[in-house]
Protein backbone atom coordinates (compact mmCIF):
# COMPACT_ATOMS: atom_id res chain seq x y z
CA MET A 1 0.00 0.00 0.00
CA LEU A 2 1.19 3.50 -0.84
CA SER A 3 0.15 6.34 1.47
CA GLU A 4 1.07 10.02 1.62
CA CYS A 5 -0.04 13.12 3.55
CA TYR A 6 -0.29 16.46 1.76
CA THR A 7 -0.48 19.65 3.91
CA ASP A 8 -1.95 23.05 3.06
CA LYS A 9 -1.67 25.41 6.07
CA ASN A 10 -3.71 23.75 8.81
CA LEU A 11 -5.27 21.17 6.46
CA CYS A 12 -3.88 17.63 6.43
CA MET A 13 -4.86 15.83 3.29
CA LYS A 14 -4.40 12.07 3.21
CA SER A 15 -4.46 9.79 0.20
CA SER A 16 -3.80 6.09 -0.20
CA ILE A 17 -3.45 3.57 -2.97
CA LYS A 18 -4.08 -0.13 -2.51
CA ILE A 19 -4.88 -3.24 -4.51
CA VAL A 20 -7.84 -5.03 -2.93
CA CYS A 21 -9.85 -8.19 -3.46
CA LYS A 22 -13.60 -7.59 -3.28
CA LYS A 23 -15.65 -10.31 -1.62
CA ASN A 24 -18.49 -10.37 -4.16
CA ALA A 25 -17.90 -13.60 -6.06
CA LEU A 26 -17.94 -13.71 -9.85
CA ALA A 27 -19.89 -16.30 -11.84
CA ASP A 28 -16.88 -18.65 -11.89
CA GLY A 29 -16.56 -18.51 -8.09
CA LYS A 30 -13.47 -16.31 -8.09
CA PHE A 31 -13.22 -12.82 -6.59
CA PRO A 32 -12.42 -9.62 -8.52
CA ILE A 33 -9.29 -7.51 -7.94
CA TYR A 34 -9.55 -3.72 -7.85
CA LEU A 35 -7.30 -0.69 -7.47
CA ARG A 36 -8.67 1.38 -4.57
CA ILE A 37 -7.89 5.09 -4.37
CA THR A 38 -8.77 6.97 -1.18
CA ILE A 39 -8.54 10.77 -0.91
CA ASP A 40 -9.80 12.47 2.24
CA ARG A 41 -11.69 9.36 3.32
CA LYS A 42 -13.52 9.06 0.00
CA SER A 43 -12.71 5.97 -2.05
CA LYS A 44 -13.09 4.88 -5.66
CA PHE A 45 -12.47 1.43 -7.12
CA TYR A 46 -10.99 0.74 -10.57
CA LYS A 47 -11.29 -2.62 -12.31
CA ILE A 48 -8.12 -4.63 -12.89
CA PRO A 49 -8.17 -7.62 -15.30
CA TYR A 50 -7.54 -10.16 -12.53
CA SER A 51 -9.57 -12.36 -10.23
CA CYS A 52 -8.52 -14.96 -7.68
CA ASP A 53 -9.45 -17.67 -5.23
CA LEU A 54 -9.32 -16.31 -1.68
CA ARG A 55 -6.63 -18.83 -0.77
CA GLU A 56 -4.37 -17.20 -3.42
CA TRP A 57 -4.67 -13.71 -1.95
CA ASN A 58 -2.61 -11.92 0.73
CA GLU A 59 -5.04 -9.33 2.07
CA ALA A 60 -2.48 -7.40 4.10
CA LYS A 61 -0.06 -6.96 1.20
CA GLY A 62 -2.69 -6.61 -1.51
CA ARG A 63 -0.89 -9.19 -3.61
CA PHE A 64 -1.20 -12.76 -4.86
CA ASN A 65 0.58 -15.32 -2.68
CA SER A 66 2.62 -18.31 -3.80
CA LYS A 67 -0.50 -20.49 -4.12
CA ASN A 68 -1.19 -18.64 -7.37
CA SER A 69 0.80 -20.33 -10.14
CA ASN A 70 1.88 -17.01 -11.72
CA TYR A 71 2.02 -14.87 -8.59
CA LEU A 72 5.38 -13.21 -9.33
CA GLN A 73 4.39 -12.05 -12.82
CA SER A 74 0.87 -11.05 -11.76
CA ASN A 75 2.17 -9.06 -8.79
CA ARG A 76 4.48 -7.10 -11.09
CA VAL A 77 1.45 -6.06 -13.13
CA LEU A 78 -0.40 -5.05 -9.95
CA SER A 79 2.60 -2.92 -8.95
CA ARG A 80 2.42 -1.12 -12.29
CA PHE A 81 -1.20 -0.15 -11.61
CA GLU A 82 -0.13 1.28 -8.23
CA ASP A 83 2.83 3.08 -9.80
CA ASP A 84 0.60 4.71 -12.43
CA ALA A 85 -1.77 5.95 -9.73
CA SER A 86 1.12 7.23 -7.62
CA LYS A 87 2.47 9.26 -10.56
CA ILE A 88 -0.92 10.94 -10.96
CA LEU A 89 -0.98 11.87 -7.27
CA ASP A 90 2.50 13.38 -7.65
CA GLU A 91 1.37 15.26 -10.75
CA LEU A 92 -1.61 16.74 -8.90
CA LEU A 93 0.59 17.75 -5.97
CA GLU A 94 2.92 19.62 -8.32
CA TYR A 95 0.19 22.04 -9.32
CA LYS A 96 -1.94 22.29 -6.18
CA ASN A 97 -1.69 21.48 -2.51
CA THR A 98 -5.21 20.10 -2.29
CA PHE A 99 -7.19 18.10 -4.79
CA THR A 100 -10.29 15.96 -4.88
CA LEU A 101 -11.06 12.39 -5.80
CA ILE A 102 -12.91 13.69 -8.87
CA GLU A 103 -9.76 15.49 -10.08
CA PHE A 104 -7.75 12.32 -9.58
CA ASP A 105 -10.37 10.30 -11.45
CA ASN A 106 -10.30 12.65 -14.44
CA LEU A 107 -6.52 12.36 -14.75
CA TYR A 108 -6.50 8.62 -14.12
CA ARG A 109 -9.00 7.94 -16.89
CA GLN A 110 -6.95 10.04 -19.30
CA ASN A 111 -3.66 8.36 -18.45
CA SER A 112 -4.54 4.76 -17.62
CA ILE A 113 -5.78 1.90 -19.73
CA ASP A 114 -9.33 2.41 -20.93
CA ASN A 115 -11.01 -0.56 -19.25
CA ASN A 116 -13.28 -1.15 -22.26
CA ASN A 117 -10.59 -0.65 -24.91
CA PHE A 118 -10.15 -3.91 -26.80
CA VAL A 119 -6.60 -3.36 -28.09
CA GLU A 120 -5.20 -2.15 -24.77
CA PHE A 121 -6.66 -5.20 -23.05
CA LEU A 122 -5.23 -7.47 -25.77
CA GLU A 123 -1.80 -5.84 -25.30
CA LEU A 124 -2.01 -6.40 -21.54
CA ARG A 125 -2.99 -10.02 -22.11
CA THR A 126 -0.03 -10.47 -24.48
CA LYS A 127 2.35 -9.13 -21.82
CA GLN A 128 0.84 -11.39 -19.16
CA LEU A 129 1.35 -14.45 -21.36
CA TYR A 130 4.98 -13.48 -21.99
CA GLU A 131 5.63 -12.91 -18.29
CA SER A 132 4.09 -16.29 -17.46
CA LYS A 133 6.58 -17.92 -19.88
CA GLN A 134 3.92 -18.77 -22.48
CA ILE A 135 6.13 -17.27 -25.16
CA SER A 136 4.61 -18.94 -28.22
CA TYR A 137 1.07 -18.09 -27.10
CA SER A 138 2.17 -14.51 -26.42
CA ASP A 139 3.72 -14.29 -29.90
CA SER A 140 0.49 -15.61 -31.41
CA HIS A 141 -1.52 -12.88 -29.64
CA ASN A 142 0.95 -10.28 -30.87
CA ASP A 143 0.57 -11.58 -34.44
CA THR A 144 -3.19 -11.20 -34.04
CA LEU A 145 -2.75 -7.58 -32.96
CA ILE A 146 -0.49 -6.84 -35.95
CA SER A 147 -3.09 -8.36 -38.28
CA LEU A 148 -5.94 -6.36 -36.70
CA ARG A 149 -4.01 -3.11 -37.19
CA LYS A 150 -3.61 -3.95 -40.87
CA PHE A 151 -7.35 -4.61 -41.06
CA LYS A 152 -8.40 -1.40 -39.28
CA SER A 153 -5.94 1.48 -39.00
CA ASN A 154 -8.01 2.92 -36.12
CA ILE A 155 -8.41 -0.39 -34.25
CA ASP A 156 -6.66 1.13 -31.22
CA LYS A 157 -9.81 3.19 -30.60
CA TYR A 158 -12.16 0.20 -30.68
CA SER A 159 -13.95 -0.87 -27.51
CA PHE A 160 -15.16 -4.40 -26.83
CA ASP A 161 -18.62 -3.18 -27.88
CA ASP A 162 -17.24 -2.53 -31.39
CA ILE A 163 -16.04 -6.11 -31.86
CA ASP A 164 -19.37 -7.57 -32.96
CA TYR A 165 -20.52 -10.31 -35.34
CA ASN A 166 -20.22 -8.10 -38.43
CA PHE A 167 -16.72 -7.00 -37.42
CA LEU A 168 -15.62 -10.65 -37.24
CA LEU A 169 -17.20 -11.47 -40.61
CA ASN A 170 -15.47 -8.51 -42.25
CA TYR A 171 -12.17 -9.44 -40.58
CA GLU A 172 -12.48 -13.00 -41.91
CA THR A 173 -13.11 -11.63 -45.42
CA PHE A 174 -10.03 -9.39 -45.10
CA LEU A 175 -7.89 -12.34 -44.01
CA ARG A 176 -9.04 -14.46 -46.94
CA LYS A 177 -8.20 -11.67 -49.38
CA THR A 178 -4.66 -11.59 -47.98
CA GLY A 179 -4.29 -15.34 -48.62
CA CYS A 180 -4.94 -16.57 -45.09
CA LYS A 181 -6.43 -20.09 -44.91
CA ASP A 182 -8.97 -21.50 -42.47
CA GLY A 183 -6.28 -22.73 -40.07
CA GLY A 184 -4.66 -19.30 -39.74
CA ILE A 185 -8.03 -17.55 -39.50
CA GLY A 186 -8.98 -19.93 -36.71
CA VAL A 187 -5.84 -19.02 -34.74
CA TYR A 188 -6.60 -15.29 -34.95
CA MET A 189 -10.26 -15.78 -34.04
CA ARG A 190 -9.47 -18.05 -31.08
CA ASN A 191 -7.09 -15.42 -29.71
CA ILE A 192 -9.81 -12.76 -30.00
CA ARG A 193 -12.29 -15.12 -28.35
CA ALA A 194 -9.89 -15.91 -25.50
CA THR A 195 -9.36 -12.17 -24.92
CA PHE A 196 -13.13 -11.65 -24.85
CA ASN A 197 -13.67 -14.49 -22.38
CA ILE A 198 -11.10 -13.12 -19.95
CA ALA A 199 -12.51 -9.60 -20.27
CA ILE A 200 -16.01 -10.89 -19.51
CA LYS A 201 -14.78 -12.75 -16.43
CA SER A 202 -13.03 -9.55 -15.33
CA LYS A 203 -16.31 -7.62 -15.74
CA ILE A 204 -14.75 -5.43 -18.44
CA ALA A 205 -16.68 -6.72 -21.48
CA LYS A 206 -20.41 -7.44 -21.46
CA GLN A 207 -21.63 -11.02 -21.72
CA GLU A 208 -24.71 -9.98 -23.70
CA LEU A 209 -22.49 -8.47 -26.43
CA TYR A 210 -20.33 -11.60 -26.82
CA PRO A 211 -19.93 -11.96 -30.63
CA PHE A 212 -18.95 -15.63 -30.62
CA LYS A 213 -22.49 -16.70 -29.77
CA ASP A 214 -23.22 -16.08 -33.45
CA TYR A 215 -19.79 -16.30 -35.09
CA LYS A 216 -18.74 -19.97 -34.97
CA ILE A 217 -15.03 -20.71 -35.26
CA SER A 218 -15.99 -24.37 -35.63
CA ALA A 219 -17.47 -23.51 -39.05
CA LEU A 220 -13.93 -23.01 -40.35
CA LYS A 221 -12.52 -26.15 -41.89
CA SER A 222 -10.47 -27.71 -39.13
CA GLN A 223 -7.88 -29.35 -41.34
CA LYS A 224 -5.13 -30.60 -39.07
CA ILE A 225 -1.79 -28.94 -39.57
CA LYS A 226 0.97 -31.52 -39.79
CA LYS A 227 3.00 -31.33 -36.60
CA ALA A 228 4.77 -34.68 -36.45
CA LEU A 229 7.48 -36.42 -38.43
CA THR A 230 6.75 -39.85 -39.82
CA LYS A 231 8.95 -42.78 -38.77
CA GLU A 232 10.71 -42.56 -42.12
CA GLN A 233 11.34 -38.81 -41.76
CA LEU A 234 12.62 -39.27 -38.21
CA GLN A 235 14.98 -42.01 -39.39
CA ASN A 236 16.22 -39.70 -42.16
CA LEU A 237 16.96 -37.05 -39.52
CA ILE A 238 18.86 -39.63 -37.45
CA ASP A 239 20.85 -40.74 -40.52
CA PHE A 240 21.49 -37.20 -41.77
CA ASP A 241 25.18 -36.41 -42.29
CA ILE A 242 25.54 -33.27 -40.18
CA LYS A 243 28.86 -32.50 -41.88
CA ASN A 244 26.72 -31.00 -44.65
CA ILE A 245 25.42 -28.34 -42.20
CA PRO A 246 27.71 -28.35 -39.13
CA SER A 247 26.04 -25.22 -37.71
CA ALA A 248 22.87 -27.31 -37.21
CA THR A 249 24.55 -29.90 -34.96
CA ASN A 250 22.96 -28.64 -31.73
CA ALA A 251 19.53 -28.23 -33.33
CA ARG A 252 19.55 -31.83 -34.63
CA TYR A 253 20.85 -33.33 -31.39
CA LEU A 254 18.35 -31.46 -29.21
CA TYR A 255 15.40 -32.40 -31.43
CA LEU A 256 16.37 -36.07 -31.31
CA PHE A 257 17.05 -36.00 -27.57
CA SER A 258 13.66 -34.37 -26.98
CA PHE A 259 12.03 -37.21 -28.93
CA TYR A 260 13.87 -39.93 -27.00
CA ALA A 261 13.23 -38.13 -23.69
CA ARG A 262 9.48 -38.62 -24.26
CA GLY A 263 8.84 -35.27 -25.89
CA MET A 264 10.68 -33.18 -23.31
CA ASN A 265 10.04 -29.45 -23.83
CA PHE A 266 12.86 -27.12 -24.89
CA THR A 267 12.46 -25.00 -21.74
CA ASP A 268 12.95 -28.12 -19.59
CA LEU A 269 15.87 -29.41 -21.68
CA ALA A 270 17.61 -26.10 -21.05
CA GLU A 271 17.65 -26.80 -17.30
CA LEU A 272 18.67 -30.47 -17.45
CA ARG A 273 21.96 -31.06 -15.57
CA TRP A 274 24.47 -33.87 -15.72
CA ASP A 275 23.76 -34.51 -12.04
CA ASP A 276 20.12 -35.26 -12.90
CA ILE A 277 20.93 -38.36 -14.97
CA GLU A 278 21.70 -41.64 -13.22
CA HIS A 279 21.80 -44.96 -15.09
CA SER A 280 20.00 -43.41 -18.09
CA LYS A 281 17.15 -42.22 -15.85
CA PHE A 282 16.15 -38.79 -14.62
CA SER A 283 13.16 -36.94 -13.17
CA TYR A 284 12.17 -33.33 -13.67
CA LYS A 285 9.32 -30.96 -12.88
CA ARG A 286 7.75 -29.66 -16.07
CA ASN A 287 7.97 -25.85 -16.17
CA LYS A 288 4.61 -25.40 -17.85
CA THR A 289 2.45 -27.52 -15.52
CA GLY A 290 4.60 -28.27 -12.46
CA ILE A 291 3.99 -32.00 -12.98
CA ASN A 292 6.84 -34.35 -12.02
CA ILE A 293 7.91 -36.58 -14.91
CA ARG A 294 10.20 -39.60 -14.81
CA VAL A 295 12.18 -40.46 -17.94
CA LYS A 296 14.28 -43.45 -18.93
CA ILE A 297 16.42 -42.64 -21.95
CA PRO A 298 16.65 -45.55 -24.41
CA GLU A 299 20.25 -46.69 -24.65
CA ASN A 300 20.92 -46.73 -28.37
CA GLU A 301 23.55 -45.49 -30.76
CA ILE A 302 22.10 -42.00 -31.25
CA THR A 303 21.38 -41.22 -27.56
CA ASN A 304 24.87 -42.39 -26.61
CA GLU A 305 26.31 -40.26 -29.41
CA ILE A 306 24.42 -37.19 -28.17
CA LEU A 307 25.43 -37.52 -24.52
CA ASN A 308 29.06 -38.32 -25.38
CA PHE A 309 29.20 -35.28 -27.65
CA TYR A 310 28.05 -32.92 -24.89
CA LYS A 311 30.45 -34.38 -22.36
CA GLU A 312 33.18 -32.95 -24.59
CA TYR A 313 31.43 -29.88 -26.01
CA ARG A 314 31.09 -27.46 -23.07
CA PRO A 315 31.00 -23.86 -24.40
CA TYR A 316 29.66 -22.39 -21.13
CA PRO A 317 30.94 -22.84 -17.54
CA THR A 318 27.76 -24.53 -16.27
CA ASN A 319 26.63 -28.03 -15.33
CA TYR A 320 23.79 -28.01 -17.88
CA ILE A 321 23.95 -30.74 -20.51
CA PHE A 322 22.90 -28.62 -23.46
CA PRO A 323 24.41 -25.28 -24.61
CA ILE A 324 21.34 -23.12 -24.03
CA LEU A 325 21.94 -21.19 -20.80
CA LYS A 326 25.23 -19.28 -20.54
CA LYS A 327 25.11 -19.05 -16.76
CA ASN A 328 23.40 -20.58 -13.75
CA ILE A 329 19.63 -20.24 -13.81
CA LEU A 330 19.68 -18.35 -10.49
CA GLU A 331 21.72 -15.58 -12.15
CA TYR A 332 18.86 -14.78 -14.54
CA ASP A 333 15.76 -12.81 -13.67
CA GLU A 334 12.54 -14.37 -15.00
CA GLU A 335 12.20 -12.13 -18.04
CA GLU A 336 15.87 -12.55 -19.00
CA LEU A 337 15.62 -16.34 -18.62
CA ALA A 338 12.50 -16.55 -20.80
CA GLY A 339 14.13 -14.30 -23.39
CA ARG A 340 17.31 -16.38 -23.49
CA LYS A 341 15.40 -19.62 -24.02
CA HIS A 342 13.19 -18.02 -26.66
CA ASN A 343 16.13 -16.61 -28.64
CA VAL A 344 18.13 -19.86 -28.60
CA ARG A 345 15.07 -21.90 -29.58
CA SER A 346 14.36 -19.51 -32.47
CA TYR A 347 17.95 -19.91 -33.69
CA TYR A 348 17.77 -23.71 -33.47
CA ASN A 349 14.46 -23.69 -35.35
CA LYS A 350 16.16 -21.85 -38.22
CA GLN A 351 18.96 -24.43 -38.22
CA LEU A 352 16.43 -27.29 -38.19
CA LYS A 353 14.77 -25.84 -41.28
CA LEU A 354 18.09 -26.02 -43.13
CA ILE A 355 18.18 -29.76 -42.45
CA PHE A 356 14.51 -30.24 -43.34
CA VAL A 357 15.04 -28.52 -46.71
CA LYS A 358 17.80 -31.04 -47.48
CA LEU A 359 15.50 -33.91 -46.42
CA ASN A 360 12.46 -32.56 -48.32
CA ILE A 361 10.50 -32.28 -45.08
CA ASP A 362 7.82 -29.61 -44.56
CA THR A 363 9.73 -26.60 -43.22
CA ASN A 364 6.79 -25.67 -40.95
CA ILE A 365 8.04 -28.44 -38.66
CA ASN A 366 9.88 -26.84 -35.72
CA PHE A 367 11.53 -27.92 -32.48
CA TYR A 368 8.26 -28.24 -30.55
CA THR A 369 7.04 -30.94 -32.92
CA ALA A 370 9.45 -33.43 -31.37
CA ARG A 371 6.69 -33.84 -28.73
CA HIS A 372 4.08 -34.48 -31.41
CA THR A 373 6.41 -36.91 -33.17
CA PHE A 374 6.97 -38.84 -29.93
CA ALA A 375 3.22 -38.97 -29.24
CA THR A 376 2.19 -40.01 -32.75
CA ILE A 377 4.88 -42.67 -33.23
CA SER A 378 4.12 -44.07 -29.76
CA LEU A 379 0.42 -44.36 -30.63
CA LYS A 380 1.18 -46.08 -33.94
CA ASN A 381 3.46 -48.48 -32.07
CA GLY A 382 0.46 -49.53 -29.98
CA VAL A 383 1.05 -47.45 -26.82
CA HIS A 384 -2.27 -46.53 -25.17
CA VAL A 385 -3.14 -42.84 -25.21
CA SER A 386 -3.39 -42.74 -21.38
CA LYS A 387 0.28 -43.80 -21.13
CA ILE A 388 1.27 -41.19 -23.71
CA LYS A 389 -0.60 -38.57 -21.65
CA GLN A 390 1.40 -39.54 -18.56
CA ALA A 391 4.70 -39.52 -20.46
CA LEU A 392 4.03 -36.03 -21.85
CA GLY A 393 2.93 -34.68 -18.47
CA HIS A 394 -0.46 -33.55 -19.73
CA GLN A 395 -3.25 -32.78 -17.28
CA SER A 396 -6.01 -33.63 -19.76
CA ILE A 397 -6.40 -36.51 -22.20
CA LYS A 398 -7.90 -34.01 -24.68
CA THR A 399 -4.58 -32.18 -24.85
CA THR A 400 -2.82 -35.45 -25.65
CA GLU A 401 -5.36 -36.32 -28.34
CA SER A 402 -4.77 -32.95 -30.03
CA TYR A 403 -1.08 -33.93 -30.39
CA LEU A 404 -1.82 -37.10 -32.30
CA GLU A 405 -1.68 -37.24 -36.09
CA ASP A 406 -4.59 -38.95 -37.84
CA PHE A 407 -3.98 -42.44 -39.14
CA LYS A 408 -3.60 -42.86 -42.89
CA ASP A 409 -6.33 -44.83 -44.75
CA HIS A 410 -4.05 -47.82 -45.37
CA GLU A 411 -3.15 -47.93 -41.66
CA ILE A 412 -6.83 -48.07 -40.72
CA ASP A 413 -7.44 -50.75 -43.36
CA GLU A 414 -4.57 -52.87 -42.02
CA ALA A 415 -5.73 -52.45 -38.40
CA PHE A 416 -9.15 -53.95 -39.18
CA GLU A 417 -8.04 -56.51 -41.76
CA ASN A 418 -8.24 -59.49 -39.41
CA LEU A 419 -11.06 -58.76 -36.98
CA ILE A 420 -12.08 -62.42 -36.78
């Protein structure tokens, strides 16, 4: 809480700023978070795009506690709201010794985020996703914003009320004219829908004006985008002579290790230490979900080759197996760590594409698809989907199913050839 006392002759003027959790539950059972401004015992509450379970909230500090999965990132955003309000109080004090809550409110509304402004809320959501380490999802939201600005040059002035059924239809038409297919249109529309849903839960957008009651994303052809290598393509990657593209050595090795480590995410691979592996086994807590995962690395020629290579190749003075982090993880702040992982992964994706061009593999395949490849090949080898779910560390079987490539017609035919 921020509190100051302003004095004009015999008048003591007190003002305070605090983030508070109101006890009137929302429809989803959570409680809304507000910025409370008090000037001379009169208070006003401003909506903040957050809500919480009471067990996640520290009432005295006006902050999320560690029971909230993203409490550090969320608390930084809350601090920014307080800082903005504090600057306005300082600005008022510069010009007059006394001021009213109405004067503060006028300045605050001019300087702060318009609570009903669609683009400003989308920008805030994009930042929150980045700060919570959902880098790819954040990038996708940012791409949506760039596309919307191309569609409407004045989109920054649009409120949630302006994003109606006709707006979405016109936006879809615009995207088609620019060559965007159903899959890409669906990504943009789902990001807009997700932003709307969060705004409604935060009491910023109105439920009755929700445009996706009429506009159905499901009407777009949901042709699955290929996200997994076939067995043959994976074998070609294993057999690829890296001497042709030596700069892609790390990219190839990490992709293959991710596959053999049961689809281990890049962000988790970055933190894997030599001390973690014992007799080809290791356990780790998945960064994205916090789920503990046990892995046994298959002992074969390629996994031995990878581990032996990195025992010799040590470009950074750390105990991490792979050359991703230059220093100990504790020496990074959260934003710097996320940025480092993102930049290295982007570089390795570019190197992977060089290999895929040589192998005549779809260059849309990137590092993350090692997880999809592991899942799909496991399924086609007869592994039950529930075991694949556990291996990937998914919380929902639906997430696992979305990873799996459809079977080819001949594979279905062969599966049912001998029913009796």
